[in-house]
Amino acid sequence: MMELTAQAFLETLRGLQSDQEREKIRRHYRGDDGTNVIGVRMKHTFDTAARFTAMPLTEVDKLLDSPYYEARMGAMSILDFKARRKGITDDDRRALYEMYMRRHDRIDSWDFVDRAAPRVVGWYLLDKPRDPLYVLARSSDVWERRTAITATFWFVRHGEIDDALRIAEILLQDPEELIHKSVGTALREVGRVDQDRLVDFLRAHTDAVSRVTLRHATEKLPPDLRTELLSRA
């Protein structure tokens, strides 16, 4: 039987190390300068995480303590895979959500957020008050703000767009481009559910919407409508 420990996970990743991949990751990583990189292709990290889905949360916690980028990405992926399991209980979901929120200090890159926030945070809050997301949206920490908007992707997927629009409005003039991109993505998905609400939102906030947000938000709109909205920026 495979040992489902943080140490076993790291040893597996080290067996997949590539110098070329290490340099590639270092170029795109946007987090703490003190983070170490093993050099593992993202697909291999995800595949390894899938094999370790049954890892106890105490061991996932140890992965989050690791200085290695791939270890923490693996931890986020394991949380995501756990959230997808059939038959998962609300208590199980709460445990995943609470770990994500409690260890947010170890989430310091956009891809950590994008990997886990929709299912781990958004799915848990789907039938609950969304107040925690509004707290995160007003945080001084860029990754907490990204979690706030990224978690709403799950609501939008289920046809609920109000929170996505409200949190997007809070973040429209955020100083970080990484937030503008996430806001734009959330708005694009809102448009898939209700194009009129998206267009009304963009027209009502013409002066506040960044060019980056607008480009992402209008990607799926009819060409003439997209041209009109882009011309307002």
C-alpha atoms as a PDB file:
ATOM      1  CA  MET A   1       0.000   0.000   0.000  1.00  0.00           C
ATOM      2  CA  MET A   2       1.298   3.447  -0.921  1.00  0.00           C
ATOM      3  CA  GLU A   3       2.331   5.622   2.004  1.00  0.00           C
ATOM      4  CA  LEU A   4       0.120   8.725   2.001  1.00  0.00           C
ATOM      5  CA  THR A   5       2.482  11.149   3.718  1.00  0.00           C
ATOM      6  CA  ALA A   6       3.931  14.525   2.857  1.00  0.00           C
ATOM      7  CA  GLN A   7       7.396  12.967   2.774  1.00  0.00           C
ATOM      8  CA  ALA A   8       6.309  10.269   0.315  1.00  0.00           C
ATOM      9  CA  PHE A   9       4.678  12.926  -1.862  1.00  0.00           C
ATOM     10  CA  LEU A  10       7.896  14.964  -1.977  1.00  0.00           C
ATOM     11  CA  GLU A  11       9.994  11.905  -2.743  1.00  0.00           C
ATOM     12  CA  THR A  12       7.694  11.092  -5.655  1.00  0.00           C
ATOM     13  CA  LEU A  13       8.056  14.627  -7.007  1.00  0.00           C
ATOM     14  CA  ARG A  14      11.843  14.541  -6.723  1.00  0.00           C
ATOM     15  CA  GLY A  15      11.813  11.486  -8.963  1.00  0.00           C
ATOM     16  CA  LEU A  16      10.122  13.618 -11.639  1.00  0.00           C
ATOM     17  CA  GLN A  17      12.549  16.568 -11.435  1.00  0.00           C
ATOM     18  CA  SER A  18      13.662  18.448 -14.543  1.00  0.00           C
ATOM     19  CA  ASP A  19      16.143  21.343 -14.672  1.00  0.00           C
ATOM     20  CA  GLN A  20      14.300  22.778 -17.676  1.00  0.00           C
ATOM     21  CA  GLU A  21      11.008  22.698 -15.812  1.00  0.00           C
ATOM     22  CA  ARG A  22      12.600  24.348 -12.774  1.00  0.00           C
ATOM     23  CA  GLU A  23      13.570  27.375 -14.856  1.00  0.00           C
ATOM     24  CA  LYS A  24      10.146  27.515 -16.476  1.00  0.00           C
ATOM     25  CA  ILE A  25       8.402  27.562 -13.084  1.00  0.00           C
ATOM     26  CA  ARG A  26      10.745  30.217 -11.736  1.00  0.00           C
ATOM     27  CA  ARG A  27       9.798  32.484 -14.647  1.00  0.00           C
ATOM     28  CA  HIS A  28       6.051  32.316 -14.041  1.00  0.00           C
ATOM     29  CA  TYR A  29       5.986  32.070 -10.243  1.00  0.00           C
ATOM     30  CA  ARG A  30       4.769  35.319  -8.669  1.00  0.00           C
ATOM     31  CA  GLY A  31       5.013  34.553  -4.962  1.00  0.00           C
ATOM     32  CA  ASP A  32       7.583  34.616  -2.180  1.00  0.00           C
ATOM     33  CA  ASP A  33      11.163  35.006  -3.397  1.00  0.00           C
ATOM     34  CA  GLY A  34      12.265  32.521  -0.734  1.00  0.00           C
ATOM     35  CA  THR A  35      10.296  29.653  -2.268  1.00  0.00           C
ATOM     36  CA  ASN A  36      12.301  26.717  -3.612  1.00  0.00           C
ATOM     37  CA  VAL A  37      11.426  24.941  -6.848  1.00  0.00           C
ATOM     38  CA  ILE A  38      12.008  21.240  -7.453  1.00  0.00           C
ATOM     39  CA  GLY A  39      11.304  21.416 -11.184  1.00  0.00           C
ATOM     40  CA  VAL A  40       8.273  19.193 -11.887  1.00  0.00           C
ATOM     41  CA  ARG A  41       5.836  19.589 -14.785  1.00  0.00           C
ATOM     42  CA  MET A  42       2.451  20.785 -13.598  1.00  0.00           C
ATOM     43  CA  LYS A  43       0.756  17.737 -15.114  1.00  0.00           C
ATOM     44  CA  HIS A  44       3.018  15.450 -13.089  1.00  0.00           C
ATOM     45  CA  THR A  45       2.274  17.419  -9.914  1.00  0.00           C
ATOM     46  CA  PHE A  46      -1.476  17.152 -10.550  1.00  0.00           C
ATOM     47  CA  ASP A  47      -1.265  13.454 -11.404  1.00  0.00           C
ATOM     48  CA  THR A  48       0.707  12.800  -8.221  1.00  0.00           C
ATOM     49  CA  ALA A  49      -1.827  14.762  -6.182  1.00  0.00           C
ATOM     50  CA  ALA A  50      -4.635  12.659  -7.686  1.00  0.00           C
ATOM     51  CA  ARG A  51      -2.851   9.504  -6.490  1.00  0.00           C
ATOM     52  CA  PHE A  52      -2.535  11.040  -3.012  1.00  0.00           C
ATOM     53  CA  THR A  53      -6.147  12.255  -2.748  1.00  0.00           C
ATOM     54  CA  ALA A  54      -6.737  10.097   0.345  1.00  0.00           C
ATOM     55  CA  MET A  55      -3.834  11.744   2.195  1.00  0.00           C
ATOM     56  CA  PRO A  56      -4.910  12.774   5.726  1.00  0.00           C
ATOM     57  CA  LEU A  57      -5.340  16.511   6.205  1.00  0.00           C
ATOM     58  CA  THR A  58      -2.608  16.462   8.846  1.00  0.00           C
ATOM     59  CA  GLU A  59      -0.180  15.458   6.088  1.00  0.00           C
ATOM     60  CA  VAL A  60      -1.610  18.024   3.670  1.00  0.00           C
ATOM     61  CA  ASP A  61      -0.891  20.580   6.386  1.00  0.00           C
ATOM     62  CA  LYS A  62       2.748  19.458   6.350  1.00  0.00           C
ATOM     63  CA  LEU A  63       2.909  19.947   2.582  1.00  0.00           C
ATOM     64  CA  LEU A  64       1.691  23.514   3.087  1.00  0.00           C
ATOM     65  CA  ASP A  65       4.601  24.088   5.463  1.00  0.00           C
ATOM     66  CA  SER A  66       7.076  23.040   2.782  1.00  0.00           C
ATOM     67  CA  PRO A  67       9.365  25.650   1.179  1.00  0.00           C
ATOM     68  CA  TYR A  68       8.837  23.954  -2.195  1.00  0.00           C
ATOM     69  CA  TYR A  69       6.447  25.413  -4.746  1.00  0.00           C
ATOM     70  CA  GLU A  70       5.363  21.989  -6.018  1.00  0.00           C
ATOM     71  CA  ALA A  71       4.635  20.744  -2.497  1.00  0.00           C
ATOM     72  CA  ARG A  72       2.196  23.574  -1.876  1.00  0.00           C
ATOM     73  CA  MET A  73       0.694  23.246  -5.338  1.00  0.00           C
ATOM     74  CA  GLY A  74       0.292  19.569  -4.543  1.00  0.00           C
ATOM     75  CA  ALA A  75      -1.462  20.430  -1.290  1.00  0.00           C
ATOM     76  CA  MET A  76      -3.871  22.736  -3.117  1.00  0.00           C
ATOM     77  CA  SER A  77      -4.495  20.046  -5.713  1.00  0.00           C
ATOM     78  CA  ILE A  78      -5.180  17.404  -3.069  1.00  0.00           C
ATOM     79  CA  LEU A  79      -7.713  19.715  -1.414  1.00  0.00           C
ATOM     80  CA  ASP A  80      -9.339  20.224  -4.816  1.00  0.00           C
ATOM     81  CA  PHE A  81      -9.446  16.491  -5.564  1.00  0.00           C
ATOM     82  CA  LYS A  82     -10.898  15.804  -2.112  1.00  0.00           C
ATOM     83  CA  ALA A  83     -13.632  18.390  -2.788  1.00  0.00           C
ATOM     84  CA  ARG A  84     -14.593  16.537  -5.986  1.00  0.00           C
ATOM     85  CA  ARG A  85     -15.101  13.151  -4.330  1.00  0.00           C
ATOM     86  CA  LYS A  86     -18.503  11.524  -4.642  1.00  0.00           C
ATOM     87  CA  GLY A  87     -20.302  11.189  -1.340  1.00  0.00           C
ATOM     88  CA  ILE A  88     -18.308  13.922   0.405  1.00  0.00           C
ATOM     89  CA  THR A  89     -20.187  15.232   3.453  1.00  0.00           C
ATOM     90  CA  ASP A  90     -20.698  18.840   4.448  1.00  0.00           C
ATOM     91  CA  ASP A  91     -18.464  18.233   7.466  1.00  0.00           C
ATOM     92  CA  ASP A  92     -15.722  17.037   5.116  1.00  0.00           C
ATOM     93  CA  ARG A  93     -16.204  20.124   2.952  1.00  0.00           C
ATOM     94  CA  ARG A  94     -15.995  22.338   6.000  1.00  0.00           C
ATOM     95  CA  ALA A  95     -12.692  20.735   6.992  1.00  0.00           C
ATOM     96  CA  LEU A  96     -11.247  21.465   3.519  1.00  0.00           C
ATOM     97  CA  TYR A  97     -12.564  25.024   3.586  1.00  0.00           C
ATOM     98  CA  GLU A  98     -11.229  25.673   7.072  1.00  0.00           C
ATOM     99  CA  MET A  99      -7.791  24.369   6.151  1.00  0.00           C
ATOM    100  CA  TYR A 100      -7.678  26.604   3.068  1.00  0.00           C
ATOM    101  CA  MET A 101      -8.703  29.658   5.050  1.00  0.00           C
ATOM    102  CA  ARG A 102      -6.492  28.884   8.048  1.00  0.00           C
ATOM    103  CA  ARG A 103      -3.411  28.331   5.902  1.00  0.00           C
ATOM    104  CA  HIS A 104      -3.956  31.244   3.533  1.00  0.00           C
ATOM    105  CA  ASP A 105      -0.546  32.512   4.634  1.00  0.00           C
ATOM    106  CA  ARG A 106       0.952  29.648   2.577  1.00  0.00           C
ATOM    107  CA  ILE A 107      -1.030  30.583  -0.515  1.00  0.00           C
ATOM    108  CA  ASP A 108       1.234  33.052  -2.251  1.00  0.00           C
ATOM    109  CA  SER A 109       0.764  32.522  -5.969  1.00  0.00           C
ATOM    110  CA  TRP A 110      -2.152  33.033  -8.358  1.00  0.00           C
ATOM    111  CA  ASP A 111      -2.173  29.396  -9.472  1.00  0.00           C
ATOM    112  CA  PHE A 112      -2.583  28.099  -5.906  1.00  0.00           C
ATOM    113  CA  VAL A 113      -5.755  30.162  -5.639  1.00  0.00           C
ATOM    114  CA  ASP A 114      -7.070  29.187  -9.048  1.00  0.00           C
ATOM    115  CA  ARG A 115      -6.449  25.516  -8.393  1.00  0.00           C
ATOM    116  CA  ALA A 116      -8.489  25.231  -5.196  1.00  0.00           C
ATOM    117  CA  ALA A 117     -10.657  28.260  -4.467  1.00  0.00           C
ATOM    118  CA  PRO A 118     -13.653  27.431  -6.707  1.00  0.00           C
ATOM    119  CA  ARG A 119     -14.367  23.975  -5.289  1.00  0.00           C
ATOM    120  CA  VAL A 120     -12.799  24.184  -1.836  1.00  0.00           C
ATOM    121  CA  VAL A 121     -14.129  27.631  -0.917  1.00  0.00           C
ATOM    122  CA  GLY A 122     -16.903  28.327  -3.412  1.00  0.00           C
ATOM    123  CA  TRP A 123     -18.524  24.904  -3.281  1.00  0.00           C
ATOM    124  CA  TYR A 124     -18.564  24.906   0.527  1.00  0.00           C
ATOM    125  CA  LEU A 125     -20.201  28.344   0.621  1.00  0.00           C
ATOM    126  CA  LEU A 126     -22.696  27.561  -2.144  1.00  0.00           C
ATOM    127  CA  ASP A 127     -25.526  26.969   0.340  1.00  0.00           C
ATOM    128  CA  LYS A 128     -24.183  29.254   3.064  1.00  0.00           C
ATOM    129  CA  PRO A 129     -23.759  33.001   3.726  1.00  0.00           C
ATOM    130  CA  ARG A 130     -20.967  34.444   1.590  1.00  0.00           C
ATOM    131  CA  ASP A 131     -19.810  37.018   4.176  1.00  0.00           C
ATOM    132  CA  PRO A 132     -16.275  35.536   4.405  1.00  0.00           C
ATOM    133  CA  LEU A 133     -15.683  36.397   0.751  1.00  0.00           C
ATOM    134  CA  TYR A 134     -16.504  40.056   1.329  1.00  0.00           C
ATOM    135  CA  VAL A 135     -13.973  40.125   4.159  1.00  0.00           C
ATOM    136  CA  LEU A 136     -11.359  38.618   1.825  1.00  0.00           C
ATOM    137  CA  ALA A 137     -12.287  41.052  -0.950  1.00  0.00           C
ATOM    138  CA  ARG A 138     -11.335  43.950   1.327  1.00  0.00           C
ATOM    139  CA  SER A 139      -8.123  42.326   2.572  1.00  0.00           C
ATOM    140  CA  SER A 140      -4.720  43.973   2.166  1.00  0.00           C
ATOM    141  CA  ASP A 141      -3.423  40.606   0.908  1.00  0.00           C
ATOM    142  CA  VAL A 142      -3.630  40.204  -2.871  1.00  0.00           C
ATOM    143  CA  TRP A 143      -4.081  36.433  -2.685  1.00  0.00           C
ATOM    144  CA  GLU A 144      -7.003  36.741  -0.282  1.00  0.00           C
ATOM    145  CA  ARG A 145      -8.616  39.199  -2.678  1.00  0.00           C
ATOM    146  CA  ARG A 146      -8.031  36.770  -5.550  1.00  0.00           C
ATOM    147  CA  THR A 147      -9.637  33.995  -3.503  1.00  0.00           C
ATOM    148  CA  ALA A 148     -12.705  36.188  -2.958  1.00  0.00           C
ATOM    149  CA  ILE A 149     -13.427  36.642  -6.661  1.00  0.00           C
ATOM    150  CA  THR A 150     -12.205  33.209  -7.779  1.00  0.00           C
ATOM    151  CA  ALA A 151     -14.468  31.385  -5.317  1.00  0.00           C
ATOM    152  CA  THR A 152     -17.481  33.034  -6.978  1.00  0.00           C
ATOM    153  CA  PHE A 153     -16.747  31.077 -10.169  1.00  0.00           C
ATOM    154  CA  TRP A 154     -18.520  28.150  -8.514  1.00  0.00           C
ATOM    155  CA  PHE A 155     -21.596  30.243  -7.751  1.00  0.00           C
ATOM    156  CA  VAL A 156     -21.747  31.451 -11.344  1.00  0.00           C
ATOM    157  CA  ARG A 157     -21.424  27.882 -12.578  1.00  0.00           C
ATOM    158  CA  HIS A 158     -24.633  27.197 -10.661  1.00  0.00           C
ATOM    159  CA  GLY A 159     -26.400  30.232 -12.099  1.00  0.00           C
ATOM    160  CA  GLU A 160     -25.846  32.556  -9.128  1.00  0.00           C
ATOM    161  CA  ILE A 161     -24.254  35.788 -10.312  1.00  0.00           C
ATOM    162  CA  ASP A 162     -25.095  38.410  -7.690  1.00  0.00           C
ATOM    163  CA  ASP A 163     -22.077  37.799  -5.439  1.00  0.00           C
ATOM    164  CA  ALA A 164     -19.707  37.699  -8.398  1.00  0.00           C
ATOM    165  CA  LEU A 165     -20.959  41.106  -9.525  1.00  0.00           C
ATOM    166  CA  ARG A 166     -20.821  42.607  -6.040  1.00  0.00           C
ATOM    167  CA  ILE A 167     -17.296  41.366  -5.349  1.00  0.00           C
ATOM    168  CA  ALA A 168     -16.182  42.401  -8.831  1.00  0.00           C
ATOM    169  CA  GLU A 169     -17.457  45.901  -8.070  1.00  0.00           C
ATOM    170  CA  ILE A 170     -15.382  46.001  -4.869  1.00  0.00           C
ATOM    171  CA  LEU A 171     -12.276  44.972  -6.794  1.00  0.00           C
ATOM    172  CA  LEU A 172     -12.677  46.999  -9.997  1.00  0.00           C
ATOM    173  CA  GLN A 173     -10.027  49.537  -9.006  1.00  0.00           C
ATOM    174  CA  ASP A 174      -7.692  47.108  -7.289  1.00  0.00           C
ATOM    175  CA  PRO A 175      -4.015  48.088  -7.670  1.00  0.00           C
ATOM    176  CA  GLU A 176      -2.973  44.587  -8.821  1.00  0.00           C
ATOM    177  CA  GLU A 177      -3.278  43.394 -12.416  1.00  0.00           C
ATOM    178  CA  LEU A 178      -3.630  39.829 -11.153  1.00  0.00           C
ATOM    179  CA  ILE A 179      -6.920  40.877  -9.582  1.00  0.00           C
ATOM    180  CA  HIS A 180      -8.082  42.637 -12.749  1.00  0.00           C
ATOM    181  CA  LYS A 181      -7.602  39.393 -14.684  1.00  0.00           C
ATOM    182  CA  SER A 182      -9.616  37.367 -12.165  1.00  0.00           C
ATOM    183  CA  VAL A 183     -12.375  39.965 -12.080  1.00  0.00           C
ATOM    184  CA  GLY A 184     -12.504  39.908 -15.868  1.00  0.00           C
ATOM    185  CA  THR A 185     -12.747  36.117 -15.879  1.00  0.00           C
ATOM    186  CA  ALA A 186     -15.562  36.182 -13.326  1.00  0.00           C
ATOM    187  CA  LEU A 187     -17.440  38.759 -15.383  1.00  0.00           C
ATOM    188  CA  ARG A 188     -16.939  36.747 -18.578  1.00  0.00           C
ATOM    189  CA  GLU A 189     -18.555  33.757 -16.856  1.00  0.00           C
ATOM    190  CA  VAL A 190     -21.389  35.970 -15.602  1.00  0.00           C
ATOM    191  CA  GLY A 191     -21.993  36.864 -19.253  1.00  0.00           C
ATOM    192  CA  ARG A 192     -22.478  33.206 -20.097  1.00  0.00           C
ATOM    193  CA  VAL A 193     -25.354  33.102 -17.608  1.00  0.00           C
ATOM    194  CA  ASP A 194     -26.862  36.552 -18.225  1.00  0.00           C
ATOM    195  CA  GLN A 195     -25.343  38.621 -21.007  1.00  0.00           C
ATOM    196  CA  ASP A 196     -27.611  41.592 -20.330  1.00  0.00           C
ATOM    197  CA  ARG A 197     -26.515  41.799 -16.660  1.00  0.00           C
ATOM    198  CA  LEU A 198     -22.861  41.741 -17.742  1.00  0.00           C
ATOM    199  CA  VAL A 199     -23.322  44.454 -20.352  1.00  0.00           C
ATOM    200  CA  ASP A 200     -25.325  46.628 -17.946  1.00  0.00           C
ATOM    201  CA  PHE A 201     -22.576  46.200 -15.330  1.00  0.00           C
ATOM    202  CA  LEU A 202     -19.794  47.168 -17.734  1.00  0.00           C
ATOM    203  CA  ARG A 203     -21.693  50.197 -19.015  1.00  0.00           C
ATOM    204  CA  ALA A 204     -22.505  51.338 -15.473  1.00  0.00           C
ATOM    205  CA  HIS A 205     -18.835  51.117 -14.436  1.00  0.00           C
ATOM    206  CA  THR A 206     -17.138  52.406 -17.573  1.00  0.00           C
ATOM    207  CA  ASP A 207     -14.844  54.757 -15.678  1.00  0.00           C
ATOM    208  CA  ALA A 208     -13.726  52.116 -13.179  1.00  0.00           C
ATOM    209  CA  VAL A 209     -13.184  49.024 -15.352  1.00  0.00           C
ATOM    210  CA  SER A 210      -9.559  48.514 -16.326  1.00  0.00           C
ATOM    211  CA  ARG A 211      -8.601  47.601 -19.856  1.00  0.00           C
ATOM    212  CA  VAL A 212      -7.371  44.218 -18.639  1.00  0.00           C
ATOM    213  CA  THR A 213     -10.680  43.455 -16.927  1.00  0.00           C
ATOM    214  CA  LEU A 214     -12.654  44.624 -19.934  1.00  0.00           C
ATOM    215  CA  ARG A 215     -10.687  42.481 -22.379  1.00  0.00           C
ATOM    216  CA  HIS A 216     -11.308  39.355 -20.315  1.00  0.00           C
ATOM    217  CA  ALA A 217     -14.930  40.208 -19.514  1.00  0.00           C
ATOM    218  CA  THR A 218     -15.949  40.736 -23.145  1.00  0.00           C
ATOM    219  CA  GLU A 219     -14.176  37.728 -24.690  1.00  0.00           C
ATOM    220  CA  LYS A 220     -17.382  35.786 -25.380  1.00  0.00           C
ATOM    221  CA  LEU A 221     -19.630  38.692 -26.373  1.00  0.00           C
ATOM    222  CA  PRO A 222     -20.777  39.230 -29.966  1.00  0.00           C
ATOM    223  CA  PRO A 223     -18.026  41.082 -31.918  1.00  0.00           C
ATOM    224  CA  ASP A 224     -19.984  44.302 -32.441  1.00  0.00           C
ATOM    225  CA  LEU A 225     -20.945  44.514 -28.776  1.00  0.00           C
ATOM    226  CA  ARG A 226     -17.394  43.760 -27.673  1.00  0.00           C
ATOM    227  CA  THR A 227     -16.022  46.471 -29.973  1.00  0.00           C
ATOM    228  CA  GLU A 228     -18.473  48.986 -28.559  1.00  0.00           C
ATOM    229  CA  LEU A 229     -17.578  48.193 -24.951  1.00  0.00           C
ATOM    230  CA  LEU A 230     -13.836  48.173 -25.595  1.00  0.00           C
ATOM    231  CA  SER A 231     -14.080  51.567 -27.241  1.00  0.00           C
ATOM    232  CA  ARG A 232     -15.316  53.007 -23.949  1.00  0.00           C
ATOM    233  CA  ALA A 233     -12.090  52.135 -22.102  1.00  0.00           C
END
